[in-house]
Amino acid sequence: MDAAGTEFNFVPSRPTRPRLPLRVLSTFLIQSALVANSCAVDYNGQSDIMGRPSRYDWDDKRDICWKLYVEEKKSPKEIVAWFSNHFGVPESELPSHRLFRRQFSEKWKFPPRRERLSAEQEPVVVERIGQLWEQNLGIQAIRETLENEGWELGDNEYQRLRKKNGFRRRGDALGAYGVVEDEYLGAPGTGASKRSKVAKGGKRKADQIAPEQWLPVEDDAAPGTGNVEIDSDINMELTLVGDNAIPGSATSQLQPPAHLLTPEEQQRRAEHLAQVQAQSDLALANRKRRRRIRGYGHLPADDPSLAPRYGSETTLDECKAYLQLTNPLYLQVRSDYERICVEMGIERKKSVVENGIWQASKDRLVQENVHLATVMHPFQPDLDKKATAIDCLCADVTKRMRDSKKKLTIADSNNALGLNPTTSKEIRKTFYEILERDQYTTRLACGDVHWAELRQSWFDAVPLLQQVVDEGDAHKMKCLDILCRDATKRYNDDAVRRDPSRRQYQQSTYGPGPGSAKANGRKEKMETSGSTAKSAEKGSASKRKGKRAAPQPEQNLHIDPALAPYASPVPCYFRLSPESRLIGNHPRMWLGKLTGPTIQSLHTAAASKAGAATVSKVQGIIKNGEPGPNGEEGMGEDMYQIDDDGELQVYLEAAGEKSTFVVCLAGGYA
């Protein structure tokens, strides 16, 4: 019922009838059709087959639909939502938007909601779209600009003009993986953008997306906008999306490239990594570098028990632990302090620390936040550490606020370099192919000298980039670095799809605090999806079992009594010893399966994730109390070195159901 008291009901009232069996109902319908065909003759002698009554009652809806569709120019989907919200009716009980469209055009003969472009107007609109395309505006931004200029285009018409004239940011602007086909490189406006017939019917999957289907997340965002990550321990991830699925011939090309490294190059890279590892260890011993809380490239994380050199090097995860912050509370504290900085005009710590504004802002944060006020009470312990944690957290907030203003997007870089989206994609693809031929892994393993050679090869292949380098403009060089970083990121993503063993998983926890909010959220999502899949598999298995229980073959139960406890592998925990010397990134804690009470099986399980490294020492842990805050040996743990089968057997009996080993790895890549 609307405001005037008119009640709308799309479903006409009919008396309920009992349902008939399918066989009786079909016979009834056939007989009814025969009778209708024989009797449906009007007095003018014209035959008229009687149709079934309409499911929906449209009689009293014409006026309100005219107002919504013609006068207010709402789309059929918006009209369905309007009826649902205005009258409190679920959308499932209303006609679909297709039925609304059919009723408007075929039954009621409503004029079109938007007038189509005439033959004279279409070239003007296409030219304007091309101008905005050259300015690297996003697809939605182009449409909004056209609407502000008075061009009201429907969804289908706008998409038709884009596809017809090649204004597409994704899809088949380039050829298959690793190949740039000339027939697909038509300039916008020539209609040369083609669509693969094989790819039309396929599904879009992340692993089937070729490098030429790149669409940076920030391309469609307005310059200077976008979500800014607020945790320094969160890695940015770019999203790959595709307009089409890749044919089987294209996906089959996602194989390890045929370019193999020469033995000399392999030796050079190994020596370089060993030199980098030695320099890193020496710098840490001389306190010339800060500790590494996570693996960086091929370098492993440092001992978690190391203390920071200075209070300003306290990690954000340690700040969370000192202040007893969960991830939701941590995000709230950051949001509160960002608001305080805006109100007090704070941009940098060192610019306001002398006049007392910095301390005043922190005091205000503690006063306005109930949790921090409780934690910072004068009778609470470790107030010095907590004050340092608040100072580090606030300094990081101001740093993020400054970086968000200086952030460059792909669109900004293209505009500064005078590139349109198609040309920019071709330039990035050129560097992608250079990395592929070089078998690039990481910047750390590559080395500064070889990295400069790769970039110079890129400049030689693209004269436009060489002109930018010759000019020496700092801003343009930064924009060039943005394109280089994007191509490198996409090459690494494809390398992981070719060889999943190259993936380096981010640990959700690497300190005393709750860890990264983003990594924990991803872990919870994976666990939820995994549990859902298991429950679905369990349900399907129970259904199959309910239909017919297949006889299971009788298992051989004759097992040696001495090996009875190890008839099935025993899961064990393994920790990486701080004394380990590795090249590469290795998890600090992992799970393994002990297949037997022997040193050989123990070393095999301990080195399951070690690559070429070998086990030099294994110690067993007997817990007599609570471990330390980082899981390291504490007052409640005793460690026993294990060198032979007898010592292992004694340890397993003493450890009980939960066995934990500390493993020292050395002598190779992780």
Foldseek 3Di string as FASTA:
>chain_A
DAPVPDDDFFADDDDDDDDDDPVVVVVVVVVVQVVQQVPQADPVRDGDRDDDDDRTDCPPPVVVLCCVCAVVNDQLVVVLVCCCVRVVNDSVNPDDSVVVVCCCCPPVNHDHSDDDDDPVVLVVLLVQLVVVLLLLEALVVSQVVCVVVPDDDDPVRSVVSCQQQVSDLFAPCAHFAPHGDPQSVDDGRPSSHDHDPQFPPDDDDPLQGHLRRADWPCSNPDPLDDDFDQFPQDDDDTDGDHPTGDDPVRSVVLAQDPQDDDPVVVVVLVVLLVVVLVVVVVCVVVVNDWFALQADFQRAGADQVDDTPDLLPDHLQVLCVLLVHDPVRLVVLLVVLLVLCVVVVDQACVVCVVVCPNVVSLVVSCVVDPSSVVCCPPVHPPNVSNVSSSSNSSRSSSVSVVVSRVDDDLSNLCNVLSHRSSVLSVLLVLLLSLCSNVVDQDDSSCDPVNVVVSVVVSCVVPVSVVVVVVVVDPVNVVSVVVSNVVSVSVSNVSVCSNPVLSDDDDDQDRHLGRRDPVSVVVVVVVVVVVVVVVVVVVVVVVVVVVVDNDDDDDDDPDDDPVCVVQPDWAKAKEAEDSQADAGGYDDRIDIFTQNGLWPVSVQCRRCVPVVPKGWDWKKKKAFQDDADSRNDHDPRIDIGTDDTSVVSVVRPVRNDRYIYMYTHIYDYGD
